[in-house]
């Protein structure tokens, strides 16, 4: 069950096509933009990086940043 209205960020383990709630909360924070994402709206994440994204654009940006060589 997803917690509704707690105002607290959830801890999540991201899996292919689904996720598992590790600690109660009603949202996560986008790894790229810092935007709050209500759990019922969470659609984009990286299993490899264990990061949530607010939208496809943020997901693509994270992927592109990952592909850049380190300076």
C-alpha atoms as a PDB file:
ATOM      1  CA  UNK A   1       0.000   0.000   0.000  1.00  0.00           C
ATOM      2  CA  UNK A   2       1.298   3.479  -0.866  1.00  0.00           C
ATOM      3  CA  UNK A   3       1.239   6.063   1.891  1.00  0.00           C
ATOM      4  CA  UNK A   4      -0.839   9.063   0.892  1.00  0.00           C
ATOM      5  CA  UNK A   5      -0.283  12.569   2.189  1.00  0.00           C
ATOM      6  CA  UNK A   6       2.500  11.814   4.664  1.00  0.00           C
ATOM      7  CA  UNK A   7       4.741  14.523   3.183  1.00  0.00           C
ATOM      8  CA  UNK A   8       7.716  12.228   3.694  1.00  0.00           C
ATOM      9  CA  UNK A   9      10.053  10.954   0.959  1.00  0.00           C
ATOM     10  CA  UNK A  10       9.881   7.206   0.421  1.00  0.00           C
ATOM     11  CA  UNK A  11      12.913   4.949   0.076  1.00  0.00           C
ATOM     12  CA  UNK A  12      12.534   2.688  -2.936  1.00  0.00           C
ATOM     13  CA  UNK A  13      14.350  -0.205  -4.563  1.00  0.00           C
ATOM     14  CA  UNK A  14      13.844   0.150  -8.324  1.00  0.00           C
ATOM     15  CA  UNK A  15      13.317  -3.043 -10.332  1.00  0.00           C
ATOM     16  CA  UNK A  16      12.636  -3.628 -14.043  1.00  0.00           C
ATOM     17  CA  UNK A  17       9.037  -2.483 -14.592  1.00  0.00           C
ATOM     18  CA  UNK A  18       8.205  -2.085 -10.909  1.00  0.00           C
ATOM     19  CA  UNK A  19       9.598  -0.884  -7.596  1.00  0.00           C
ATOM     20  CA  UNK A  20       9.601  -2.010  -3.979  1.00  0.00           C
ATOM     21  CA  UNK A  21       8.901   0.369  -1.119  1.00  0.00           C
ATOM     22  CA  UNK A  22      11.658   0.141   1.521  1.00  0.00           C
ATOM     23  CA  UNK A  23      10.297   2.861   3.808  1.00  0.00           C
ATOM     24  CA  UNK A  24       6.969   4.635   3.930  1.00  0.00           C
ATOM     25  CA  UNK A  25       6.481   7.929   2.173  1.00  0.00           C
ATOM     26  CA  UNK A  26       4.296   9.567  -0.446  1.00  0.00           C
ATOM     27  CA  UNK A  27       6.921  10.806  -2.913  1.00  0.00           C
ATOM     28  CA  UNK A  28      10.481  10.553  -4.234  1.00  0.00           C
ATOM     29  CA  UNK A  29      12.748  13.323  -5.505  1.00  0.00           C
ATOM     30  CA  UNK A  30      13.886  13.437  -9.140  1.00  0.00           C
ATOM     31  CA  UNK A  31      17.638  12.803  -9.360  1.00  0.00           C
ATOM     32  CA  UNK A  32      18.001  15.377 -12.165  1.00  0.00           C
ATOM     33  CA  UNK A  33      15.575  18.214 -11.422  1.00  0.00           C
ATOM     34  CA  UNK A  34      14.951  17.874  -7.683  1.00  0.00           C
ATOM     35  CA  UNK A  35      11.183  17.860  -8.307  1.00  0.00           C
ATOM     36  CA  UNK A  36       8.933  15.923  -5.955  1.00  0.00           C
ATOM     37  CA  UNK A  37       7.277  12.957  -7.671  1.00  0.00           C
ATOM     38  CA  UNK A  38       4.180  11.506  -5.970  1.00  0.00           C
ATOM     39  CA  UNK A  39       4.506   7.711  -5.909  1.00  0.00           C
ATOM     40  CA  UNK A  40       1.279   7.270  -7.859  1.00  0.00           C
ATOM     41  CA  UNK A  41       2.849   9.340 -10.697  1.00  0.00           C
ATOM     42  CA  UNK A  42       6.275   7.620 -10.712  1.00  0.00           C
ATOM     43  CA  UNK A  43       6.903   6.207 -14.199  1.00  0.00           C
ATOM     44  CA  UNK A  44      10.606   6.756 -14.911  1.00  0.00           C
ATOM     45  CA  UNK A  45      13.618   5.376 -13.058  1.00  0.00           C
ATOM     46  CA  UNK A  46      16.971   3.721 -13.549  1.00  0.00           C
ATOM     47  CA  UNK A  47      17.446   0.228 -12.156  1.00  0.00           C
ATOM     48  CA  UNK A  48      21.203   0.523 -12.703  1.00  0.00           C
ATOM     49  CA  UNK A  49      21.571   3.870 -10.914  1.00  0.00           C
ATOM     50  CA  UNK A  50      18.618   3.379  -8.521  1.00  0.00           C
ATOM     51  CA  UNK A  51      17.342   6.903  -9.328  1.00  0.00           C
ATOM     52  CA  UNK A  52      13.842   8.260 -10.020  1.00  0.00           C
ATOM     53  CA  UNK A  53      13.070  10.814 -12.750  1.00  0.00           C
ATOM     54  CA  UNK A  54      10.148  13.185 -13.105  1.00  0.00           C
ATOM     55  CA  UNK A  55       9.771  12.576 -16.871  1.00  0.00           C
ATOM     56  CA  UNK A  56      11.377  11.052 -19.964  1.00  0.00           C
ATOM     57  CA  UNK A  57      13.433  14.186 -20.590  1.00  0.00           C
ATOM     58  CA  UNK A  58      15.027  13.984 -17.142  1.00  0.00           C
ATOM     59  CA  UNK A  59      15.705  10.273 -17.664  1.00  0.00           C
ATOM     60  CA  UNK A  60      17.417  10.973 -20.983  1.00  0.00           C
ATOM     61  CA  UNK A  61      19.494  13.768 -19.425  1.00  0.00           C
ATOM     62  CA  UNK A  62      20.713  11.396 -16.684  1.00  0.00           C
ATOM     63  CA  UNK A  63      21.589   8.782 -19.300  1.00  0.00           C
ATOM     64  CA  UNK A  64      23.534  11.331 -21.365  1.00  0.00           C
ATOM     65  CA  UNK A  65      25.423  12.539 -18.292  1.00  0.00           C
ATOM     66  CA  UNK A  66      26.336   8.949 -17.460  1.00  0.00           C
ATOM     67  CA  UNK A  67      27.725   8.441 -20.971  1.00  0.00           C
ATOM     68  CA  UNK A  68      30.077  11.449 -20.739  1.00  0.00           C
ATOM     69  CA  UNK A  69      33.712  10.620 -20.037  1.00  0.00           C
ATOM     70  CA  UNK A  70      34.981  11.766 -16.633  1.00  0.00           C
ATOM     71  CA  UNK A  71      37.185  14.862 -16.634  1.00  0.00           C
END
